[in-house]
Amino acid sequence: MPLQNRVTPFGELVRTPARGTMMGNRGGRIHDNEKRVLLRRRWANRRWIVCVTAFRGRRRPVMQPNRYTEMFFLDEATAFAAGHRPCFECRNRDAKTFAAAFFDGAAYEKEGADAMDAILHTERCLSGTGAVDLTPEETRSLPRGAVFALGSDCVAVGDDGLFLWQFEGYRRLPADWLDTGLSQRAMPRLLTPPSIVAALRAGYRVQMHPSAGA
């Protein structure tokens, strides 16, 4: 049976045989040392990161005793929606680029990762204020890589359209899907934390699964 370590855009951890393209953690261990199942808590501290799946030849069994709990994401856009940010060890260049966009050009050394984590922890769906309601106009103006929910669907903004999020990848939506959805469903809710959306607007190019054409 698959482990409960695959992350949805809502930040939920679920079981699925589908594999992700990126991994990460939430600051430490949130699994039982003996059974390799999750504890009731869903984070160890507010340092939620997204990492590459291969780094300097390191190999490690998943959910080892007294080690951090590995989590897996379809892509970076999914990790961002859940409230994770790039790791400064395995993704140092991306992390510094992200931090510069996050702080709108301010030096990362001045602000620091702790400042990012404190802001994000107040905005995540699981730990903070949660999803933000969007007007139709705000939804149409979201930057590439932002993810929003419309009813039970999670939708990512791509380079040239909208894509339905699925564990195996994205599915392109018809050009009129949003207009139709807005007339028939609940109002859209922004899953990607607002501060990350601002970083995307400031120029950070999020990594998206190939099924989104990126």
N, C-alpha and C. Protein backbone atom coordinates (compact mmCIF):
# COMPACT_ATOMS: atom_id res chain seq x y z
N MET A 1 0.84 -1.19 0.00
CA MET A 1 0.00 0.00 0.00
C MET A 1 0.88 1.26 0.00
N PRO A 2 0.56 2.25 -0.83
CA PRO A 2 1.36 3.48 -0.85
C PRO A 2 1.33 4.18 0.51
N LEU A 3 2.42 4.87 0.83
CA LEU A 3 2.46 5.65 2.05
C LEU A 3 1.63 6.91 1.89
N GLN A 4 1.20 7.46 3.01
CA GLN A 4 0.39 8.68 2.99
C GLN A 4 1.32 9.90 2.96
N ASN A 5 1.91 10.14 1.80
CA ASN A 5 2.90 11.21 1.73
C ASN A 5 2.84 12.02 0.44
N ARG A 6 1.74 11.91 -0.29
CA ARG A 6 1.57 12.71 -1.51
C ARG A 6 0.73 13.93 -1.19
N VAL A 7 1.18 15.12 -1.61
CA VAL A 7 0.57 16.38 -1.19
C VAL A 7 -0.35 16.94 -2.28
N THR A 8 -1.56 17.34 -1.89
CA THR A 8 -2.49 18.00 -2.81
C THR A 8 -2.27 19.52 -2.75
N PRO A 9 -2.85 20.27 -3.69
CA PRO A 9 -2.73 21.73 -3.61
C PRO A 9 -3.34 22.33 -2.35
N PHE A 10 -4.24 21.61 -1.69
CA PHE A 10 -4.81 22.07 -0.42
C PHE A 10 -3.84 21.85 0.76
N GLY A 11 -2.74 21.12 0.51
CA GLY A 11 -1.81 20.80 1.57
C GLY A 11 -2.11 19.49 2.26
N GLU A 12 -3.14 18.79 1.82
CA GLU A 12 -3.50 17.52 2.43
C GLU A 12 -2.52 16.43 2.01
N LEU A 13 -2.31 15.45 2.89
CA LEU A 13 -1.43 14.31 2.61
C LEU A 13 -2.28 13.08 2.38
N VAL A 14 -2.12 12.45 1.22
CA VAL A 14 -2.98 11.33 0.84
C VAL A 14 -2.14 10.16 0.33
N ARG A 15 -2.79 9.03 0.18
CA ARG A 15 -2.17 7.85 -0.41
C ARG A 15 -2.53 7.76 -1.89
N THR A 16 -1.55 7.54 -2.73
CA THR A 16 -1.80 7.33 -4.15
C THR A 16 -0.57 6.66 -4.76
N PRO A 17 -0.77 5.77 -5.72
CA PRO A 17 0.38 5.14 -6.38
C PRO A 17 1.07 6.08 -7.37
N ALA A 18 0.44 7.20 -7.72
CA ALA A 18 1.05 8.14 -8.65
C ALA A 18 2.30 8.76 -8.03
N ARG A 19 3.30 8.97 -8.84
CA ARG A 19 4.57 9.49 -8.35
C ARG A 19 4.69 10.99 -8.65
N GLY A 20 5.34 11.71 -7.76
CA GLY A 20 5.56 13.13 -7.97
C GLY A 20 6.93 13.40 -8.56
N THR A 21 7.17 14.64 -8.97
CA THR A 21 8.46 15.03 -9.55
C THR A 21 9.34 15.80 -8.57
N MET A 22 8.77 16.18 -7.41
CA MET A 22 9.55 16.91 -6.40
C MET A 22 9.18 16.37 -5.02
N MET A 23 10.09 16.56 -4.07
CA MET A 23 9.84 16.14 -2.70
C MET A 23 10.03 17.33 -1.76
N GLY A 24 9.77 17.10 -0.48
CA GLY A 24 9.96 18.16 0.50
C GLY A 24 9.63 17.68 1.89
N ASN A 25 9.55 18.61 2.82
CA ASN A 25 9.17 18.25 4.18
C ASN A 25 8.61 19.48 4.89
N ARG A 26 8.16 19.26 6.12
CA ARG A 26 7.59 20.34 6.92
C ARG A 26 8.32 20.49 8.24
N GLY A 27 9.62 20.51 8.14
CA GLY A 27 10.44 20.85 9.29
C GLY A 27 10.81 19.72 10.22
N GLY A 28 10.43 18.50 9.90
CA GLY A 28 10.79 17.40 10.80
C GLY A 28 9.90 16.19 10.63
N ARG A 29 9.84 15.38 11.68
CA ARG A 29 9.11 14.11 11.62
C ARG A 29 7.67 14.29 12.05
N ILE A 30 6.75 13.79 11.21
CA ILE A 30 5.33 13.76 11.58
C ILE A 30 4.77 12.35 11.37
N HIS A 31 5.67 11.34 11.35
CA HIS A 31 5.23 9.95 11.18
C HIS A 31 5.64 9.12 12.39
N ASP A 32 4.95 8.02 12.59
CA ASP A 32 5.25 7.08 13.66
C ASP A 32 6.53 6.32 13.33
N ASN A 33 7.44 6.22 14.28
CA ASN A 33 8.73 5.58 14.03
C ASN A 33 8.60 4.10 13.68
N GLU A 34 7.62 3.43 14.20
CA GLU A 34 7.50 1.99 14.01
C GLU A 34 6.63 1.62 12.81
N LYS A 35 5.52 2.31 12.64
CA LYS A 35 4.51 1.88 11.68
C LYS A 35 4.60 2.59 10.33
N ARG A 36 5.39 3.65 10.23
CA ARG A 36 5.50 4.44 8.99
C ARG A 36 4.13 4.97 8.55
N VAL A 37 3.36 5.42 9.52
CA VAL A 37 2.10 6.08 9.25
C VAL A 37 2.15 7.47 9.88
N LEU A 38 1.33 8.38 9.40
CA LEU A 38 1.36 9.74 9.90
C LEU A 38 0.78 9.85 11.30
N LEU A 39 1.35 10.76 12.07
CA LEU A 39 0.77 11.15 13.35
C LEU A 39 -0.39 12.10 13.07
N ARG A 40 -1.03 12.58 14.09
CA ARG A 40 -2.17 13.48 13.90
C ARG A 40 -1.73 14.84 13.39
N ARG A 41 -0.56 15.30 13.79
CA ARG A 41 -0.10 16.60 13.34
C ARG A 41 0.32 16.54 11.87
N ARG A 42 0.29 17.67 11.19
CA ARG A 42 0.61 17.72 9.78
C ARG A 42 1.84 18.58 9.47
N TRP A 43 2.51 19.06 10.51
CA TRP A 43 3.80 19.73 10.33
C TRP A 43 4.54 19.71 11.66
N ALA A 44 5.89 19.77 11.55
CA ALA A 44 6.72 19.78 12.75
C ALA A 44 7.06 21.21 13.17
N ASN A 45 7.31 22.07 12.20
CA ASN A 45 7.49 23.50 12.45
C ASN A 45 7.11 24.24 11.18
N ARG A 46 7.32 25.54 11.14
CA ARG A 46 6.83 26.33 10.02
C ARG A 46 7.78 26.36 8.82
N ARG A 47 8.88 25.63 8.87
CA ARG A 47 9.81 25.60 7.74
C ARG A 47 9.39 24.51 6.75
N TRP A 48 8.50 24.86 5.84
CA TRP A 48 8.00 23.93 4.83
C TRP A 48 8.78 24.16 3.54
N ILE A 49 9.47 23.14 3.04
CA ILE A 49 10.31 23.34 1.87
C ILE A 49 9.94 22.35 0.76
N VAL A 50 10.36 22.70 -0.46
CA VAL A 50 10.21 21.80 -1.60
C VAL A 50 11.60 21.60 -2.21
N CYS A 51 11.95 20.33 -2.44
CA CYS A 51 13.30 19.93 -2.84
C CYS A 51 13.27 19.16 -4.15
N VAL A 52 14.45 18.92 -4.69
CA VAL A 52 14.59 18.00 -5.82
C VAL A 52 14.59 16.57 -5.28
N THR A 53 14.32 15.61 -6.16
CA THR A 53 14.28 14.21 -5.73
C THR A 53 15.64 13.53 -5.80
N ALA A 54 16.64 14.17 -6.41
CA ALA A 54 18.00 13.62 -6.48
C ALA A 54 18.99 14.73 -6.21
N PHE A 55 19.90 14.50 -5.25
CA PHE A 55 20.88 15.53 -4.87
C PHE A 55 22.15 14.87 -4.37
N ARG A 56 23.23 15.07 -5.09
CA ARG A 56 24.57 14.59 -4.70
C ARG A 56 24.60 13.10 -4.40
N GLY A 57 23.77 12.34 -5.08
CA GLY A 57 23.79 10.89 -4.94
C GLY A 57 23.24 10.36 -3.63
N ARG A 58 22.60 11.20 -2.86
CA ARG A 58 22.05 10.75 -1.58
C ARG A 58 20.86 9.82 -1.80
N ARG A 59 20.79 8.78 -1.01
CA ARG A 59 19.66 7.85 -1.05
C ARG A 59 19.21 7.59 0.38
N ARG A 60 17.90 7.56 0.58
CA ARG A 60 17.39 7.36 1.94
C ARG A 60 16.05 6.66 1.87
N PRO A 61 15.84 5.68 2.74
CA PRO A 61 14.50 5.08 2.86
C PRO A 61 13.51 6.13 3.33
N VAL A 62 12.29 6.02 2.86
CA VAL A 62 11.26 7.00 3.23
C VAL A 62 10.70 6.67 4.61
N MET A 63 10.46 7.73 5.39
CA MET A 63 9.89 7.62 6.74
C MET A 63 10.77 6.78 7.66
N GLN A 64 12.05 7.13 7.74
CA GLN A 64 12.95 6.47 8.68
C GLN A 64 12.62 6.91 10.11
N PRO A 65 12.97 6.09 11.10
CA PRO A 65 12.79 6.51 12.50
C PRO A 65 13.59 7.76 12.82
N ASN A 66 12.96 8.69 13.48
CA ASN A 66 13.60 9.91 13.98
C ASN A 66 14.23 10.75 12.88
N ARG A 67 13.70 10.67 11.65
CA ARG A 67 14.12 11.53 10.56
C ARG A 67 12.90 12.27 10.03
N TYR A 68 13.15 13.33 9.28
CA TYR A 68 12.01 14.10 8.79
C TYR A 68 11.13 13.26 7.86
N THR A 69 9.88 13.64 7.76
CA THR A 69 8.91 12.93 6.94
C THR A 69 8.96 13.46 5.51
N GLU A 70 9.30 12.59 4.57
CA GLU A 70 9.36 12.98 3.16
C GLU A 70 7.96 13.11 2.58
N MET A 71 7.77 14.15 1.79
CA MET A 71 6.50 14.38 1.10
C MET A 71 6.79 14.57 -0.38
N PHE A 72 5.82 14.26 -1.23
CA PHE A 72 6.04 14.32 -2.67
C PHE A 72 4.94 15.13 -3.34
N PHE A 73 5.35 15.88 -4.37
CA PHE A 73 4.46 16.80 -5.08
C PHE A 73 4.48 16.51 -6.58
N LEU A 74 3.36 16.77 -7.23
CA LEU A 74 3.34 16.68 -8.69
C LEU A 74 4.42 17.58 -9.28
N ASP A 75 4.53 18.79 -8.77
CA ASP A 75 5.51 19.76 -9.29
C ASP A 75 5.65 20.90 -8.28
N GLU A 76 6.45 21.90 -8.64
CA GLU A 76 6.67 23.02 -7.74
C GLU A 76 5.40 23.86 -7.56
N ALA A 77 4.60 23.99 -8.62
CA ALA A 77 3.36 24.75 -8.50
C ALA A 77 2.44 24.14 -7.44
N THR A 78 2.40 22.82 -7.38
CA THR A 78 1.60 22.14 -6.36
C THR A 78 2.17 22.41 -4.96
N ALA A 79 3.49 22.32 -4.83
CA ALA A 79 4.13 22.59 -3.55
C ALA A 79 3.87 24.02 -3.09
N PHE A 80 3.95 24.96 -4.04
CA PHE A 80 3.66 26.35 -3.70
C PHE A 80 2.22 26.52 -3.22
N ALA A 81 1.28 25.87 -3.90
CA ALA A 81 -0.12 25.98 -3.49
C ALA A 81 -0.30 25.49 -2.06
N ALA A 82 0.43 24.44 -1.69
CA ALA A 82 0.35 23.90 -0.33
C ALA A 82 1.09 24.75 0.68
N GLY A 83 1.89 25.72 0.22
CA GLY A 83 2.58 26.63 1.13
C GLY A 83 4.04 26.35 1.36
N HIS A 84 4.66 25.52 0.51
CA HIS A 84 6.09 25.23 0.63
C HIS A 84 6.89 26.24 -0.20
N ARG A 85 8.17 26.41 0.12
CA ARG A 85 9.05 27.30 -0.65
C ARG A 85 10.36 26.56 -0.94
N PRO A 86 11.17 27.01 -1.91
CA PRO A 86 12.37 26.27 -2.31
C PRO A 86 13.38 26.09 -1.18
N CYS A 87 14.03 24.93 -1.19
CA CYS A 87 15.06 24.60 -0.21
C CYS A 87 16.36 25.32 -0.53
N PHE A 88 17.01 25.86 0.50
CA PHE A 88 18.26 26.59 0.29
C PHE A 88 19.47 25.67 0.19
N GLU A 89 19.30 24.36 0.41
CA GLU A 89 20.44 23.46 0.26
C GLU A 89 20.45 22.84 -1.14
N CYS A 90 19.46 22.04 -1.45
CA CYS A 90 19.48 21.32 -2.73
C CYS A 90 19.05 22.19 -3.91
N ARG A 91 18.41 23.34 -3.63
CA ARG A 91 17.95 24.22 -4.70
C ARG A 91 18.38 25.65 -4.42
N ASN A 92 19.64 25.83 -4.09
CA ASN A 92 20.13 27.12 -3.62
C ASN A 92 19.87 28.25 -4.60
N ARG A 93 20.16 28.02 -5.88
CA ARG A 93 19.96 29.09 -6.86
C ARG A 93 18.49 29.46 -6.98
N ASP A 94 17.62 28.44 -7.07
CA ASP A 94 16.19 28.72 -7.14
C ASP A 94 15.70 29.42 -5.87
N ALA A 95 16.21 28.99 -4.73
CA ALA A 95 15.77 29.57 -3.46
C ALA A 95 16.13 31.05 -3.38
N LYS A 96 17.33 31.41 -3.82
CA LYS A 96 17.73 32.81 -3.78
C LYS A 96 16.94 33.65 -4.77
N THR A 97 16.66 33.08 -5.95
CA THR A 97 15.84 33.79 -6.93
C THR A 97 14.43 33.99 -6.39
N PHE A 98 13.90 32.95 -5.77
CA PHE A 98 12.56 33.04 -5.18
C PHE A 98 12.54 34.08 -4.07
N ALA A 99 13.55 34.07 -3.19
CA ALA A 99 13.58 35.02 -2.08
C ALA A 99 13.63 36.46 -2.57
N ALA A 100 14.41 36.71 -3.63
CA ALA A 100 14.47 38.06 -4.18
C ALA A 100 13.11 38.51 -4.70
N ALA A 101 12.38 37.57 -5.36
CA ALA A 101 11.05 37.90 -5.85
C ALA A 101 10.06 38.04 -4.69
N PHE A 102 10.20 37.19 -3.69
CA PHE A 102 9.31 37.20 -2.53
C PHE A 102 9.41 38.53 -1.79
N PHE A 103 10.65 39.02 -1.63
CA PHE A 103 10.88 40.27 -0.92
C PHE A 103 10.93 41.47 -1.85
N ASP A 104 10.50 41.26 -3.11
CA ASP A 104 10.41 42.34 -4.09
C ASP A 104 11.75 43.06 -4.25
N GLY A 105 12.80 42.26 -4.43
CA GLY A 105 14.12 42.82 -4.70
C GLY A 105 14.99 43.05 -3.49
N ALA A 106 14.44 42.98 -2.28
CA ALA A 106 15.25 43.15 -1.08
C ALA A 106 16.22 41.99 -0.94
N ALA A 107 17.37 42.23 -0.38
CA ALA A 107 18.39 41.19 -0.25
C ALA A 107 17.91 40.09 0.69
N TYR A 108 18.07 38.84 0.25
CA TYR A 108 17.68 37.71 1.09
C TYR A 108 18.41 37.75 2.42
N GLU A 109 19.70 38.12 2.40
CA GLU A 109 20.49 38.13 3.64
C GLU A 109 19.89 39.08 4.67
N LYS A 110 19.19 40.11 4.20
CA LYS A 110 18.60 41.07 5.12
C LYS A 110 17.32 40.52 5.73
N GLU A 111 16.52 39.84 4.90
CA GLU A 111 15.23 39.36 5.37
C GLU A 111 15.32 37.96 5.98
N GLY A 112 15.93 37.02 5.26
CA GLY A 112 16.14 35.68 5.79
C GLY A 112 15.00 34.72 5.55
N ALA A 113 15.33 33.41 5.57
CA ALA A 113 14.33 32.37 5.36
C ALA A 113 13.28 32.38 6.46
N ASP A 114 13.69 32.71 7.69
CA ASP A 114 12.73 32.72 8.80
C ASP A 114 11.60 33.71 8.55
N ALA A 115 11.94 34.84 7.93
CA ALA A 115 10.91 35.84 7.64
C ALA A 115 9.91 35.31 6.62
N MET A 116 10.41 34.61 5.60
CA MET A 116 9.51 34.00 4.62
C MET A 116 8.60 32.97 5.29
N ASP A 117 9.21 32.12 6.10
CA ASP A 117 8.43 31.06 6.74
C ASP A 117 7.36 31.62 7.68
N ALA A 118 7.67 32.70 8.36
CA ALA A 118 6.68 33.30 9.26
C ALA A 118 5.50 33.84 8.47
N ILE A 119 5.78 34.49 7.34
CA ILE A 119 4.70 35.02 6.52
C ILE A 119 3.86 33.89 5.94
N LEU A 120 4.53 32.90 5.38
CA LEU A 120 3.81 31.80 4.73
C LEU A 120 2.96 31.02 5.73
N HIS A 121 3.43 30.89 6.95
CA HIS A 121 2.68 30.09 7.92
C HIS A 121 1.33 30.71 8.25
N THR A 122 1.21 32.03 8.06
CA THR A 122 -0.07 32.70 8.30
C THR A 122 -0.99 32.64 7.09
N GLU A 123 -0.47 32.17 5.94
CA GLU A 123 -1.25 32.19 4.71
C GLU A 123 -1.63 30.80 4.20
N ARG A 124 -1.00 29.75 4.69
CA ARG A 124 -1.25 28.41 4.18
C ARG A 124 -2.66 27.94 4.50
N CYS A 125 -3.17 27.04 3.65
CA CYS A 125 -4.51 26.49 3.88
C CYS A 125 -4.58 25.72 5.20
N LEU A 126 -3.50 25.00 5.54
CA LEU A 126 -3.53 24.16 6.74
C LEU A 126 -3.22 24.93 8.01
N SER A 127 -2.30 25.88 7.95
CA SER A 127 -1.83 26.49 9.19
C SER A 127 -2.26 27.94 9.37
N GLY A 128 -2.75 28.57 8.31
CA GLY A 128 -3.03 29.99 8.40
C GLY A 128 -4.48 30.35 8.11
N THR A 129 -4.65 31.44 7.38
CA THR A 129 -5.99 31.92 7.09
C THR A 129 -6.70 31.07 6.06
N GLY A 130 -5.95 30.29 5.29
CA GLY A 130 -6.57 29.39 4.33
C GLY A 130 -6.79 30.03 2.98
N ALA A 131 -7.59 29.36 2.15
CA ALA A 131 -7.84 29.83 0.79
C ALA A 131 -8.51 31.21 0.81
N VAL A 132 -8.12 32.02 -0.17
CA VAL A 132 -8.63 33.39 -0.27
C VAL A 132 -9.67 33.46 -1.38
N ASP A 133 -10.84 34.03 -1.09
CA ASP A 133 -11.87 34.17 -2.11
C ASP A 133 -11.41 35.12 -3.21
N LEU A 134 -11.75 34.79 -4.45
CA LEU A 134 -11.35 35.59 -5.60
C LEU A 134 -12.59 36.09 -6.34
N THR A 135 -12.47 37.27 -6.89
CA THR A 135 -13.49 37.73 -7.82
C THR A 135 -13.17 37.13 -9.19
N PRO A 136 -14.14 37.11 -10.11
CA PRO A 136 -13.83 36.62 -11.46
C PRO A 136 -12.67 37.37 -12.11
N GLU A 137 -12.61 38.69 -11.90
CA GLU A 137 -11.54 39.48 -12.50
C GLU A 137 -10.18 39.10 -11.92
N GLU A 138 -10.12 38.89 -10.62
CA GLU A 138 -8.86 38.48 -9.98
C GLU A 138 -8.43 37.10 -10.47
N THR A 139 -9.39 36.21 -10.66
CA THR A 139 -9.07 34.87 -11.13
C THR A 139 -8.45 34.93 -12.52
N ARG A 140 -9.00 35.73 -13.40
CA ARG A 140 -8.50 35.82 -14.77
C ARG A 140 -7.12 36.47 -14.85
N SER A 141 -6.73 37.20 -13.83
CA SER A 141 -5.45 37.90 -13.88
C SER A 141 -4.34 37.20 -13.09
N LEU A 142 -4.58 35.99 -12.62
CA LEU A 142 -3.57 35.27 -11.85
C LEU A 142 -2.35 34.97 -12.71
N PRO A 143 -1.14 34.98 -12.12
CA PRO A 143 0.07 34.70 -12.89
C PRO A 143 0.27 33.21 -13.12
N ARG A 144 1.12 32.89 -14.06
CA ARG A 144 1.47 31.51 -14.34
C ARG A 144 1.96 30.82 -13.07
N GLY A 145 1.46 29.60 -12.83
CA GLY A 145 1.88 28.82 -11.68
C GLY A 145 0.98 28.95 -10.47
N ALA A 146 0.09 29.93 -10.46
CA ALA A 146 -0.86 30.05 -9.35
C ALA A 146 -1.91 28.95 -9.47
N VAL A 147 -2.42 28.50 -8.34
CA VAL A 147 -3.42 27.43 -8.31
C VAL A 147 -4.63 27.92 -7.52
N PHE A 148 -5.81 27.70 -8.07
CA PHE A 148 -7.03 28.06 -7.36
C PHE A 148 -8.01 26.90 -7.39
N ALA A 149 -8.98 26.95 -6.51
CA ALA A 149 -10.01 25.93 -6.44
C ALA A 149 -11.32 26.52 -6.94
N LEU A 150 -12.04 25.74 -7.70
CA LEU A 150 -13.38 26.11 -8.13
C LEU A 150 -14.25 24.89 -7.91
N GLY A 151 -15.10 24.95 -6.88
CA GLY A 151 -15.80 23.77 -6.45
C GLY A 151 -14.79 22.76 -5.92
N SER A 152 -14.85 21.54 -6.39
CA SER A 152 -13.90 20.51 -5.95
C SER A 152 -12.68 20.42 -6.85
N ASP A 153 -12.63 21.23 -7.90
CA ASP A 153 -11.51 21.19 -8.83
C ASP A 153 -10.38 22.11 -8.40
N CYS A 154 -9.14 21.65 -8.59
CA CYS A 154 -7.96 22.50 -8.42
C CYS A 154 -7.44 22.81 -9.82
N VAL A 155 -7.18 24.07 -10.08
CA VAL A 155 -6.83 24.52 -11.42
C VAL A 155 -5.56 25.36 -11.36
N ALA A 156 -4.61 25.06 -12.25
CA ALA A 156 -3.36 25.81 -12.33
C ALA A 156 -3.35 26.69 -13.57
N VAL A 157 -2.74 27.84 -13.43
CA VAL A 157 -2.59 28.76 -14.55
C VAL A 157 -1.30 28.41 -15.29
N GLY A 158 -1.41 28.09 -16.57
CA GLY A 158 -0.24 27.79 -17.38
C GLY A 158 0.14 28.95 -18.26
N ASP A 159 1.10 28.71 -19.15
CA ASP A 159 1.54 29.77 -20.06
C ASP A 159 0.43 30.19 -21.02
N ASP A 160 -0.39 29.23 -21.41
CA ASP A 160 -1.37 29.52 -22.45
C ASP A 160 -2.75 28.97 -22.13
N GLY A 161 -3.12 28.99 -20.86
CA GLY A 161 -4.44 28.52 -20.51
C GLY A 161 -4.51 27.96 -19.11
N LEU A 162 -5.64 27.34 -18.80
CA LEU A 162 -5.88 26.74 -17.49
C LEU A 162 -5.78 25.23 -17.59
N PHE A 163 -5.30 24.62 -16.48
CA PHE A 163 -5.07 23.18 -16.46
C PHE A 163 -5.65 22.57 -15.18
N LEU A 164 -6.45 21.53 -15.36
CA LEU A 164 -7.01 20.82 -14.22
C LEU A 164 -5.92 20.00 -13.55
N TRP A 165 -5.75 20.18 -12.25
CA TRP A 165 -4.73 19.45 -11.49
C TRP A 165 -5.22 18.03 -11.21
N GLN A 166 -4.34 17.05 -11.44
CA GLN A 166 -4.59 15.65 -11.10
C GLN A 166 -3.29 15.06 -10.58
N PHE A 167 -3.36 13.96 -9.83
CA PHE A 167 -2.15 13.37 -9.26
C PHE A 167 -1.15 12.95 -10.34
N GLU A 168 -1.65 12.51 -11.49
CA GLU A 168 -0.76 12.02 -12.55
C GLU A 168 -0.25 13.15 -13.44
N GLY A 169 -0.86 14.31 -13.38
CA GLY A 169 -0.47 15.41 -14.25
C GLY A 169 -1.65 16.33 -14.48
N TYR A 170 -1.49 17.27 -15.40
CA TYR A 170 -2.54 18.24 -15.69
C TYR A 170 -3.33 17.86 -16.94
N ARG A 171 -4.55 18.34 -17.01
CA ARG A 171 -5.37 18.21 -18.20
C ARG A 171 -5.82 19.59 -18.64
N ARG A 172 -5.53 19.93 -19.89
CA ARG A 172 -5.90 21.25 -20.39
C ARG A 172 -7.41 21.42 -20.38
N LEU A 173 -7.86 22.59 -19.95
CA LEU A 173 -9.28 22.89 -19.90
C LEU A 173 -9.68 23.74 -21.11
N PRO A 174 -10.93 23.61 -21.55
CA PRO A 174 -11.39 24.42 -22.68
C PRO A 174 -11.27 25.92 -22.38
N ALA A 175 -11.17 26.71 -23.42
CA ALA A 175 -10.96 28.15 -23.25
C ALA A 175 -12.10 28.82 -22.49
N ASP A 176 -13.32 28.27 -22.62
CA ASP A 176 -14.47 28.88 -21.94
C ASP A 176 -14.79 28.22 -20.61
N TRP A 177 -13.90 27.35 -20.12
CA TRP A 177 -14.20 26.59 -18.91
C TRP A 177 -14.44 27.50 -17.72
N LEU A 178 -13.62 28.53 -17.55
CA LEU A 178 -13.76 29.39 -16.38
C LEU A 178 -15.08 30.15 -16.43
N ASP A 179 -15.44 30.69 -17.57
CA ASP A 179 -16.71 31.42 -17.66
C ASP A 179 -17.88 30.50 -17.35
N THR A 180 -17.84 29.28 -17.87
CA THR A 180 -18.90 28.32 -17.59
C THR A 180 -18.92 27.95 -16.12
N GLY A 181 -17.74 27.72 -15.55
CA GLY A 181 -17.65 27.34 -14.14
C GLY A 181 -18.13 28.42 -13.20
N LEU A 182 -17.82 29.69 -13.54
CA LEU A 182 -18.22 30.78 -12.66
C LEU A 182 -19.73 30.94 -12.63
N SER A 183 -20.39 30.54 -13.67
CA SER A 183 -21.84 30.68 -13.71
C SER A 183 -22.56 29.51 -13.06
N GLN A 184 -21.84 28.41 -12.83
CA GLN A 184 -22.50 27.19 -12.36
C GLN A 184 -21.99 26.70 -11.00
N ARG A 185 -20.88 27.20 -10.53
CA ARG A 185 -20.26 26.63 -9.34
C ARG A 185 -20.06 27.69 -8.26
N ALA A 186 -19.42 27.27 -7.17
CA ALA A 186 -19.04 28.20 -6.11
C ALA A 186 -17.97 29.16 -6.65
N MET A 187 -17.80 30.27 -5.97
CA MET A 187 -16.80 31.24 -6.40
C MET A 187 -15.39 30.67 -6.20
N PRO A 188 -14.44 31.08 -7.01
CA PRO A 188 -13.07 30.55 -6.92
C PRO A 188 -12.38 30.98 -5.64
N ARG A 189 -11.45 30.12 -5.18
CA ARG A 189 -10.66 30.41 -3.99
C ARG A 189 -9.18 30.19 -4.31
N LEU A 190 -8.37 31.15 -3.97
CA LEU A 190 -6.94 31.07 -4.24
C LEU A 190 -6.27 30.16 -3.23
N LEU A 191 -5.61 29.09 -3.71
CA LEU A 191 -4.89 28.17 -2.84
C LEU A 191 -3.45 28.60 -2.63
N THR A 192 -2.78 29.06 -3.67
CA THR A 192 -1.41 29.52 -3.55
C THR A 192 -1.36 30.74 -2.62
N PRO A 193 -0.53 30.72 -1.57
CA PRO A 193 -0.49 31.86 -0.65
C PRO A 193 -0.25 33.18 -1.38
N PRO A 194 -0.93 34.25 -0.98
CA PRO A 194 -0.79 35.54 -1.66
C PRO A 194 0.64 36.02 -1.80
N SER A 195 1.48 35.79 -0.81
CA SER A 195 2.87 36.24 -0.92
C SER A 195 3.64 35.49 -2.00
N ILE A 196 3.27 34.22 -2.24
CA ILE A 196 3.90 33.47 -3.33
C ILE A 196 3.36 33.95 -4.67
N VAL A 197 2.07 34.25 -4.73
CA VAL A 197 1.51 34.82 -5.96
C VAL A 197 2.25 36.12 -6.31
N ALA A 198 2.53 36.93 -5.30
CA ALA A 198 3.27 38.17 -5.53
C ALA A 198 4.67 37.88 -6.07
N ALA A 199 5.31 36.82 -5.56
CA ALA A 199 6.64 36.44 -6.07
C ALA A 199 6.56 35.97 -7.52
N LEU A 200 5.48 35.28 -7.88
CA LEU A 200 5.29 34.88 -9.27
C LEU A 200 5.10 36.10 -10.16
N ARG A 201 4.35 37.06 -9.69
CA ARG A 201 4.16 38.30 -10.46
C ARG A 201 5.48 39.06 -10.60
N ALA A 202 6.35 38.93 -9.58
CA ALA A 202 7.62 39.64 -9.60
C ALA A 202 8.66 38.97 -10.49
N GLY A 203 8.32 37.80 -11.06
CA GLY A 203 9.22 37.20 -12.04
C GLY A 203 9.73 35.82 -11.75
N TYR A 204 9.43 35.24 -10.58
CA TYR A 204 9.91 33.88 -10.33
C TYR A 204 9.15 32.92 -11.24
N ARG A 205 9.90 32.09 -11.99
CA ARG A 205 9.27 31.15 -12.92
C ARG A 205 9.19 29.78 -12.27
N VAL A 206 7.99 29.45 -11.83
CA VAL A 206 7.76 28.20 -11.11
C VAL A 206 7.89 27.02 -12.07
N GLN A 207 8.38 25.90 -11.55
CA GLN A 207 8.49 24.68 -12.34
C GLN A 207 7.13 23.98 -12.35
N MET A 208 6.67 23.66 -13.56
CA MET A 208 5.39 22.98 -13.72
C MET A 208 5.60 21.65 -14.45
N HIS A 209 4.74 20.70 -14.14
CA HIS A 209 4.80 19.38 -14.75
C HIS A 209 4.70 19.50 -16.28
N PRO A 210 5.43 18.64 -17.03
CA PRO A 210 5.39 18.72 -18.49
C PRO A 210 3.99 18.67 -19.09
N SER A 211 3.04 18.06 -18.38
CA SER A 211 1.68 17.96 -18.91
C SER A 211 1.01 19.33 -19.02
N ALA A 212 1.60 20.36 -18.37
CA ALA A 212 1.07 21.73 -18.49
C ALA A 212 1.74 22.47 -19.64
N GLY A 213 2.54 21.74 -20.41
CA GLY A 213 3.21 22.36 -21.55
C GLY A 213 4.36 23.26 -21.16
N ALA A 214 4.95 23.02 -19.97
CA ALA A 214 6.04 23.87 -19.49
C ALA A 214 7.23 23.03 -19.07
